[in-house]
Amino acid sequence: MAFHFTLKGLLRLRLSLERAELQKLKAIAGAVAAARAEVESVEKEIEARRRAFAALLAEGLTGAEWHFEIAREASLLALRAELLKKLADLEEKRKQQQARYIQAHQQREILSNLRERQLAAYELEESRRAQQRIDELFLIRTISSSGK
């Protein structure tokens, strides 16, 4: 008789759920990485604009140019603040998704361990049955050869 795990369908479901949660976690992690890259890019732009502004100040600026540079920096700072908020939100989503993935993984792992234990018990029982059949055959041969 072949091994039959009674919770096979549930194990498949748990494995499928675990994979889905992992895919979601990877997608959020990718979004976090992209958001970090965006923040870094804006910060580099802010630094570059500040250096350029300092060079322009040394040459002399008109009031309109000065106001334009100040407005541009304010715009970049607002963008950075918005991106940092988005990044914080994504980090929170990543933490929540990681918790969901860990839970799905643990639930699947419990069923996998149960299956492994049941398989080991089945194999042990099959081994005992095989040994019992061998012992019975030996006894039958011994009895039949002593009767001759």
N, C-alpha and C. Protein backbone atom coordinates (compact mmCIF):
# COMPACT_ATOMS: atom_id res chain seq x y z
N MET A 1 0.85 -1.17 0.00
CA MET A 1 0.00 0.00 0.00
C MET A 1 0.90 1.24 0.00
N ALA A 2 0.65 2.15 -0.90
CA ALA A 2 1.47 3.35 -1.06
C ALA A 2 1.13 4.38 0.02
N PHE A 3 2.11 5.21 0.34
CA PHE A 3 1.91 6.27 1.33
C PHE A 3 0.92 7.29 0.80
N HIS A 4 -0.02 7.67 1.66
CA HIS A 4 -1.02 8.67 1.29
C HIS A 4 -1.13 9.68 2.43
N PHE A 5 -0.73 10.91 2.16
CA PHE A 5 -0.83 11.98 3.16
C PHE A 5 -2.22 12.56 3.07
N THR A 6 -2.96 12.47 4.15
CA THR A 6 -4.37 12.88 4.13
C THR A 6 -4.55 14.38 3.97
N LEU A 7 -3.55 15.15 4.34
CA LEU A 7 -3.66 16.61 4.24
C LEU A 7 -2.90 17.17 3.04
N LYS A 8 -2.76 16.35 2.00
CA LYS A 8 -2.00 16.73 0.81
C LYS A 8 -2.56 18.01 0.17
N GLY A 9 -3.88 18.10 0.06
CA GLY A 9 -4.49 19.29 -0.54
C GLY A 9 -4.21 20.54 0.29
N LEU A 10 -4.29 20.41 1.60
CA LEU A 10 -4.02 21.54 2.48
C LEU A 10 -2.55 21.95 2.39
N LEU A 11 -1.66 20.97 2.30
CA LEU A 11 -0.24 21.28 2.15
C LEU A 11 0.02 22.03 0.86
N ARG A 12 -0.61 21.59 -0.24
CA ARG A 12 -0.47 22.30 -1.52
C ARG A 12 -0.99 23.73 -1.41
N LEU A 13 -2.12 23.90 -0.72
CA LEU A 13 -2.68 25.24 -0.52
C LEU A 13 -1.72 26.11 0.28
N ARG A 14 -1.18 25.57 1.37
CA ARG A 14 -0.24 26.34 2.20
C ARG A 14 1.02 26.71 1.41
N LEU A 15 1.49 25.81 0.59
CA LEU A 15 2.67 26.09 -0.23
C LEU A 15 2.36 27.20 -1.23
N SER A 16 1.18 27.13 -1.82
CA SER A 16 0.76 28.15 -2.78
C SER A 16 0.63 29.51 -2.09
N LEU A 17 0.04 29.53 -0.90
CA LEU A 17 -0.10 30.79 -0.15
C LEU A 17 1.27 31.34 0.23
N GLU A 18 2.17 30.47 0.63
CA GLU A 18 3.52 30.91 0.99
C GLU A 18 4.21 31.56 -0.21
N ARG A 19 4.10 30.92 -1.36
CA ARG A 19 4.71 31.47 -2.58
C ARG A 19 4.11 32.83 -2.94
N ALA A 20 2.79 32.95 -2.80
CA ALA A 20 2.13 34.22 -3.11
C ALA A 20 2.61 35.32 -2.17
N GLU A 21 2.72 35.00 -0.88
CA GLU A 21 3.19 36.00 0.09
C GLU A 21 4.64 36.38 -0.20
N LEU A 22 5.45 35.41 -0.62
CA LEU A 22 6.84 35.72 -0.97
C LEU A 22 6.91 36.63 -2.19
N GLN A 23 6.07 36.37 -3.18
CA GLN A 23 6.04 37.23 -4.37
C GLN A 23 5.65 38.66 -3.99
N LYS A 24 4.66 38.79 -3.13
CA LYS A 24 4.25 40.13 -2.68
C LYS A 24 5.40 40.81 -1.94
N LEU A 25 6.09 40.04 -1.10
CA LEU A 25 7.22 40.60 -0.35
C LEU A 25 8.31 41.07 -1.30
N LYS A 26 8.60 40.27 -2.32
CA LYS A 26 9.62 40.67 -3.30
C LYS A 26 9.21 41.93 -4.05
N ALA A 27 7.93 42.03 -4.39
CA ALA A 27 7.45 43.22 -5.11
C ALA A 27 7.59 44.46 -4.24
N ILE A 28 7.23 44.35 -2.97
CA ILE A 28 7.35 45.51 -2.07
C ILE A 28 8.81 45.86 -1.84
N ALA A 29 9.66 44.84 -1.70
CA ALA A 29 11.09 45.09 -1.52
C ALA A 29 11.66 45.81 -2.75
N GLY A 30 11.19 45.46 -3.93
CA GLY A 30 11.61 46.15 -5.14
C GLY A 30 11.17 47.60 -5.15
N ALA A 31 9.94 47.83 -4.68
CA ALA A 31 9.42 49.20 -4.61
C ALA A 31 10.22 50.02 -3.58
N VAL A 32 10.61 49.39 -2.48
CA VAL A 32 11.42 50.07 -1.46
C VAL A 32 12.77 50.46 -2.06
N ALA A 33 13.39 49.53 -2.78
CA ALA A 33 14.69 49.82 -3.40
C ALA A 33 14.57 50.95 -4.42
N ALA A 34 13.50 50.94 -5.20
CA ALA A 34 13.29 52.01 -6.19
C ALA A 34 13.08 53.35 -5.49
N ALA A 35 12.32 53.35 -4.40
CA ALA A 35 12.07 54.59 -3.67
C ALA A 35 13.37 55.12 -3.06
N ARG A 36 14.18 54.22 -2.54
CA ARG A 36 15.48 54.65 -1.97
C ARG A 36 16.36 55.26 -3.06
N ALA A 37 16.36 54.66 -4.23
CA ALA A 37 17.15 55.18 -5.34
C ALA A 37 16.64 56.56 -5.75
N GLU A 38 15.33 56.72 -5.73
CA GLU A 38 14.74 58.02 -6.08
C GLU A 38 15.14 59.09 -5.07
N VAL A 39 15.08 58.75 -3.79
CA VAL A 39 15.48 59.70 -2.74
C VAL A 39 16.94 60.07 -2.92
N GLU A 40 17.77 59.08 -3.16
CA GLU A 40 19.20 59.33 -3.35
C GLU A 40 19.44 60.24 -4.56
N SER A 41 18.70 60.01 -5.62
CA SER A 41 18.84 60.82 -6.82
C SER A 41 18.46 62.29 -6.54
N VAL A 42 17.36 62.48 -5.82
CA VAL A 42 16.93 63.84 -5.49
C VAL A 42 17.95 64.50 -4.57
N GLU A 43 18.50 63.74 -3.62
CA GLU A 43 19.50 64.32 -2.71
C GLU A 43 20.76 64.73 -3.49
N LYS A 44 21.14 63.92 -4.46
CA LYS A 44 22.30 64.30 -5.30
C LYS A 44 21.99 65.55 -6.11
N GLU A 45 20.77 65.64 -6.61
CA GLU A 45 20.35 66.83 -7.37
C GLU A 45 20.38 68.07 -6.48
N ILE A 46 19.92 67.92 -5.23
CA ILE A 46 19.93 69.06 -4.29
C ILE A 46 21.37 69.51 -4.06
N GLU A 47 22.27 68.56 -3.82
CA GLU A 47 23.67 68.91 -3.59
C GLU A 47 24.29 69.57 -4.83
N ALA A 48 23.98 69.03 -6.00
CA ALA A 48 24.52 69.61 -7.24
C ALA A 48 24.01 71.03 -7.43
N ARG A 49 22.71 71.24 -7.16
CA ARG A 49 22.13 72.59 -7.31
C ARG A 49 22.75 73.55 -6.30
N ARG A 50 23.03 73.06 -5.08
CA ARG A 50 23.65 73.94 -4.07
C ARG A 50 25.06 74.35 -4.48
N ARG A 51 25.81 73.41 -5.04
CA ARG A 51 27.16 73.74 -5.50
C ARG A 51 27.10 74.74 -6.66
N ALA A 52 26.16 74.49 -7.56
CA ALA A 52 26.01 75.41 -8.70
C ALA A 52 25.58 76.79 -8.22
N PHE A 53 24.69 76.83 -7.23
CA PHE A 53 24.21 78.10 -6.69
C PHE A 53 25.36 78.86 -6.01
N ALA A 54 26.19 78.12 -5.29
CA ALA A 54 27.34 78.76 -4.63
C ALA A 54 28.28 79.37 -5.67
N ALA A 55 28.48 78.66 -6.77
CA ALA A 55 29.35 79.18 -7.83
C ALA A 55 28.73 80.42 -8.45
N LEU A 56 27.39 80.40 -8.66
CA LEU A 56 26.72 81.56 -9.23
C LEU A 56 26.77 82.76 -8.28
N LEU A 57 26.68 82.48 -6.97
CA LEU A 57 26.75 83.57 -5.99
C LEU A 57 28.10 84.27 -6.06
N ALA A 58 29.14 83.49 -6.29
CA ALA A 58 30.49 84.06 -6.37
C ALA A 58 30.61 84.99 -7.58
N GLU A 59 29.88 84.67 -8.65
CA GLU A 59 29.92 85.49 -9.86
C GLU A 59 28.99 86.69 -9.76
N GLY A 60 27.98 86.55 -8.94
CA GLY A 60 27.00 87.62 -8.80
C GLY A 60 25.69 87.22 -9.46
N LEU A 61 24.61 87.40 -8.75
CA LEU A 61 23.28 87.02 -9.25
C LEU A 61 22.34 88.21 -9.20
N THR A 62 21.37 88.14 -10.10
CA THR A 62 20.29 89.12 -10.01
C THR A 62 19.29 88.60 -8.99
N GLY A 63 18.42 89.45 -8.55
CA GLY A 63 17.39 89.06 -7.57
C GLY A 63 16.49 87.96 -8.12
N ALA A 64 16.15 88.06 -9.41
CA ALA A 64 15.27 87.06 -10.03
C ALA A 64 15.96 85.70 -10.07
N GLU A 65 17.26 85.68 -10.40
CA GLU A 65 17.99 84.41 -10.44
C GLU A 65 18.08 83.80 -9.04
N TRP A 66 18.32 84.68 -8.05
CA TRP A 66 18.41 84.22 -6.67
C TRP A 66 17.09 83.60 -6.24
N HIS A 67 15.98 84.27 -6.51
CA HIS A 67 14.64 83.76 -6.15
C HIS A 67 14.33 82.46 -6.89
N PHE A 68 14.74 82.39 -8.16
CA PHE A 68 14.52 81.18 -8.94
C PHE A 68 15.25 79.99 -8.32
N GLU A 69 16.51 80.18 -7.94
CA GLU A 69 17.29 79.09 -7.33
C GLU A 69 16.70 78.69 -5.98
N ILE A 70 16.26 79.64 -5.21
CA ILE A 70 15.64 79.34 -3.91
C ILE A 70 14.35 78.55 -4.12
N ALA A 71 13.55 78.92 -5.09
CA ALA A 71 12.30 78.22 -5.39
C ALA A 71 12.59 76.80 -5.89
N ARG A 72 13.63 76.66 -6.71
CA ARG A 72 13.99 75.33 -7.22
C ARG A 72 14.42 74.43 -6.07
N GLU A 73 15.23 74.97 -5.15
CA GLU A 73 15.67 74.16 -4.00
C GLU A 73 14.48 73.80 -3.12
N ALA A 74 13.59 74.73 -2.92
CA ALA A 74 12.40 74.45 -2.10
C ALA A 74 11.57 73.34 -2.75
N SER A 75 11.47 73.40 -4.06
CA SER A 75 10.73 72.37 -4.79
C SER A 75 11.40 71.01 -4.62
N LEU A 76 12.72 70.97 -4.75
CA LEU A 76 13.45 69.72 -4.58
C LEU A 76 13.35 69.20 -3.15
N LEU A 77 13.38 70.09 -2.16
CA LEU A 77 13.25 69.69 -0.76
C LEU A 77 11.85 69.12 -0.49
N ALA A 78 10.84 69.73 -1.10
CA ALA A 78 9.47 69.23 -0.94
C ALA A 78 9.34 67.84 -1.59
N LEU A 79 9.96 67.68 -2.75
CA LEU A 79 9.94 66.38 -3.43
C LEU A 79 10.63 65.33 -2.58
N ARG A 80 11.78 65.69 -2.00
CA ARG A 80 12.50 64.75 -1.14
C ARG A 80 11.65 64.37 0.07
N ALA A 81 10.98 65.33 0.68
CA ALA A 81 10.12 65.04 1.83
C ALA A 81 8.99 64.09 1.44
N GLU A 82 8.42 64.32 0.28
CA GLU A 82 7.34 63.45 -0.22
C GLU A 82 7.87 62.04 -0.46
N LEU A 83 9.06 61.95 -1.06
CA LEU A 83 9.66 60.65 -1.33
C LEU A 83 10.03 59.92 -0.03
N LEU A 84 10.50 60.66 0.96
CA LEU A 84 10.84 60.05 2.24
C LEU A 84 9.59 59.50 2.93
N LYS A 85 8.46 60.22 2.80
CA LYS A 85 7.20 59.73 3.36
C LYS A 85 6.77 58.46 2.64
N LYS A 86 6.89 58.48 1.31
CA LYS A 86 6.54 57.29 0.51
C LYS A 86 7.43 56.12 0.91
N LEU A 87 8.71 56.39 1.11
CA LEU A 87 9.65 55.34 1.50
C LEU A 87 9.28 54.77 2.88
N ALA A 88 8.92 55.64 3.82
CA ALA A 88 8.53 55.17 5.15
C ALA A 88 7.27 54.31 5.07
N ASP A 89 6.31 54.71 4.23
CA ASP A 89 5.10 53.92 4.05
C ASP A 89 5.42 52.55 3.45
N LEU A 90 6.31 52.54 2.46
CA LEU A 90 6.70 51.28 1.83
C LEU A 90 7.46 50.38 2.81
N GLU A 91 8.28 50.96 3.64
CA GLU A 91 9.01 50.18 4.65
C GLU A 91 8.02 49.53 5.62
N GLU A 92 6.99 50.27 6.00
CA GLU A 92 5.96 49.72 6.90
C GLU A 92 5.22 48.58 6.20
N LYS A 93 4.87 48.78 4.93
CA LYS A 93 4.21 47.71 4.17
C LYS A 93 5.11 46.49 4.06
N ARG A 94 6.41 46.72 3.87
CA ARG A 94 7.37 45.61 3.76
C ARG A 94 7.41 44.83 5.07
N LYS A 95 7.43 45.53 6.20
CA LYS A 95 7.45 44.86 7.50
C LYS A 95 6.18 44.03 7.69
N GLN A 96 5.04 44.60 7.33
CA GLN A 96 3.78 43.87 7.47
C GLN A 96 3.75 42.65 6.56
N GLN A 97 4.21 42.83 5.33
CA GLN A 97 4.22 41.72 4.38
C GLN A 97 5.21 40.65 4.82
N GLN A 98 6.33 41.06 5.38
CA GLN A 98 7.30 40.09 5.86
C GLN A 98 6.68 39.26 6.98
N ALA A 99 5.92 39.89 7.86
CA ALA A 99 5.24 39.16 8.94
C ALA A 99 4.24 38.17 8.36
N ARG A 100 3.49 38.58 7.31
CA ARG A 100 2.53 37.68 6.67
C ARG A 100 3.26 36.50 6.01
N TYR A 101 4.37 36.79 5.37
CA TYR A 101 5.15 35.72 4.74
C TYR A 101 5.67 34.73 5.79
N ILE A 102 6.21 35.24 6.87
CA ILE A 102 6.75 34.38 7.93
C ILE A 102 5.64 33.49 8.49
N GLN A 103 4.46 34.07 8.68
CA GLN A 103 3.33 33.28 9.18
C GLN A 103 2.95 32.19 8.17
N ALA A 104 2.87 32.53 6.90
CA ALA A 104 2.52 31.55 5.87
C ALA A 104 3.59 30.46 5.79
N HIS A 105 4.84 30.86 5.91
CA HIS A 105 5.95 29.90 5.88
C HIS A 105 5.85 28.93 7.07
N GLN A 106 5.57 29.47 8.24
CA GLN A 106 5.46 28.62 9.43
C GLN A 106 4.29 27.65 9.32
N GLN A 107 3.17 28.12 8.80
CA GLN A 107 2.02 27.24 8.63
C GLN A 107 2.31 26.12 7.64
N ARG A 108 2.99 26.45 6.57
CA ARG A 108 3.37 25.43 5.59
C ARG A 108 4.40 24.48 6.18
N GLU A 109 5.33 25.01 6.94
CA GLU A 109 6.38 24.20 7.57
C GLU A 109 5.77 23.20 8.55
N ILE A 110 4.76 23.60 9.29
CA ILE A 110 4.08 22.69 10.23
C ILE A 110 3.51 21.50 9.47
N LEU A 111 2.83 21.77 8.36
CA LEU A 111 2.26 20.68 7.57
C LEU A 111 3.34 19.81 6.93
N SER A 112 4.41 20.43 6.46
CA SER A 112 5.51 19.67 5.88
C SER A 112 6.14 18.74 6.91
N ASN A 113 6.32 19.26 8.12
CA ASN A 113 6.88 18.43 9.19
C ASN A 113 5.94 17.28 9.56
N LEU A 114 4.64 17.57 9.59
CA LEU A 114 3.65 16.54 9.86
C LEU A 114 3.71 15.46 8.79
N ARG A 115 3.81 15.88 7.53
CA ARG A 115 3.92 14.92 6.43
C ARG A 115 5.17 14.07 6.58
N GLU A 116 6.29 14.70 6.90
CA GLU A 116 7.54 13.95 7.06
C GLU A 116 7.44 12.94 8.20
N ARG A 117 6.82 13.34 9.30
CA ARG A 117 6.65 12.40 10.42
C ARG A 117 5.74 11.24 10.03
N GLN A 118 4.65 11.55 9.32
CA GLN A 118 3.75 10.49 8.89
C GLN A 118 4.45 9.55 7.89
N LEU A 119 5.25 10.12 7.01
CA LEU A 119 5.99 9.30 6.05
C LEU A 119 6.98 8.39 6.78
N ALA A 120 7.69 8.93 7.76
CA ALA A 120 8.65 8.13 8.52
C ALA A 120 7.93 7.00 9.27
N ALA A 121 6.77 7.30 9.85
CA ALA A 121 5.99 6.28 10.56
C ALA A 121 5.51 5.21 9.57
N TYR A 122 5.07 5.64 8.40
CA TYR A 122 4.61 4.71 7.36
C TYR A 122 5.75 3.79 6.93
N GLU A 123 6.93 4.39 6.67
CA GLU A 123 8.08 3.61 6.24
C GLU A 123 8.51 2.62 7.32
N LEU A 124 8.46 3.03 8.58
CA LEU A 124 8.80 2.14 9.68
C LEU A 124 7.82 0.98 9.73
N GLU A 125 6.54 1.27 9.61
CA GLU A 125 5.51 0.23 9.63
C GLU A 125 5.68 -0.73 8.44
N GLU A 126 5.95 -0.18 7.27
CA GLU A 126 6.17 -1.02 6.09
C GLU A 126 7.39 -1.92 6.28
N SER A 127 8.43 -1.37 6.88
CA SER A 127 9.63 -2.15 7.15
C SER A 127 9.31 -3.28 8.13
N ARG A 128 8.54 -2.99 9.15
CA ARG A 128 8.13 -4.02 10.12
C ARG A 128 7.31 -5.11 9.44
N ARG A 129 6.38 -4.70 8.59
CA ARG A 129 5.56 -5.68 7.87
C ARG A 129 6.41 -6.57 6.97
N ALA A 130 7.35 -5.96 6.28
CA ALA A 130 8.23 -6.73 5.40
C ALA A 130 9.06 -7.72 6.21
N GLN A 131 9.57 -7.26 7.34
CA GLN A 131 10.35 -8.15 8.21
C GLN A 131 9.47 -9.27 8.75
N GLN A 132 8.24 -8.95 9.09
CA GLN A 132 7.32 -9.97 9.58
C GLN A 132 7.05 -11.02 8.50
N ARG A 133 6.87 -10.59 7.26
CA ARG A 133 6.66 -11.54 6.16
C ARG A 133 7.89 -12.43 5.96
N ILE A 134 9.06 -11.83 6.04
CA ILE A 134 10.30 -12.60 5.90
C ILE A 134 10.40 -13.63 7.03
N ASP A 135 10.08 -13.19 8.26
CA ASP A 135 10.12 -14.10 9.41
C ASP A 135 9.12 -15.24 9.24
N GLU A 136 7.92 -14.92 8.76
CA GLU A 136 6.90 -15.95 8.54
C GLU A 136 7.36 -16.95 7.48
N LEU A 137 7.94 -16.47 6.40
CA LEU A 137 8.44 -17.35 5.35
C LEU A 137 9.54 -18.26 5.89
N PHE A 138 10.40 -17.69 6.70
CA PHE A 138 11.48 -18.48 7.30
C PHE A 138 10.90 -19.58 8.18
N LEU A 139 9.90 -19.24 9.00
CA LEU A 139 9.28 -20.24 9.87
C LEU A 139 8.60 -21.33 9.06
N ILE A 140 7.91 -20.90 8.00
CA ILE A 140 7.22 -21.89 7.14
C ILE A 140 8.24 -22.84 6.54
N ARG A 141 9.35 -22.33 6.05
CA ARG A 141 10.40 -23.18 5.45
C ARG A 141 11.03 -24.09 6.51
N THR A 142 11.25 -23.53 7.67
CA THR A 142 11.87 -24.30 8.74
C THR A 142 10.95 -25.45 9.16
N ILE A 143 9.67 -25.13 9.32
CA ILE A 143 8.70 -26.15 9.70
C ILE A 143 8.54 -27.18 8.61
N SER A 144 8.47 -26.76 7.35
CA SER A 144 8.31 -27.72 6.27
C SER A 144 9.55 -28.57 6.07
N SER A 145 10.74 -28.03 6.28
CA SER A 145 11.95 -28.84 6.09
C SER A 145 12.15 -29.79 7.27
N SER A 146 11.66 -29.47 8.45
CA SER A 146 11.80 -30.37 9.59
C SER A 146 10.75 -31.48 9.54
N GLY A 147 9.70 -31.28 8.82
CA GLY A 147 8.65 -32.28 8.68
C GLY A 147 9.00 -33.33 7.66
N LYS A 148 9.98 -33.17 6.86
CA LYS A 148 10.32 -34.13 5.80
C LYS A 148 11.09 -35.30 6.33
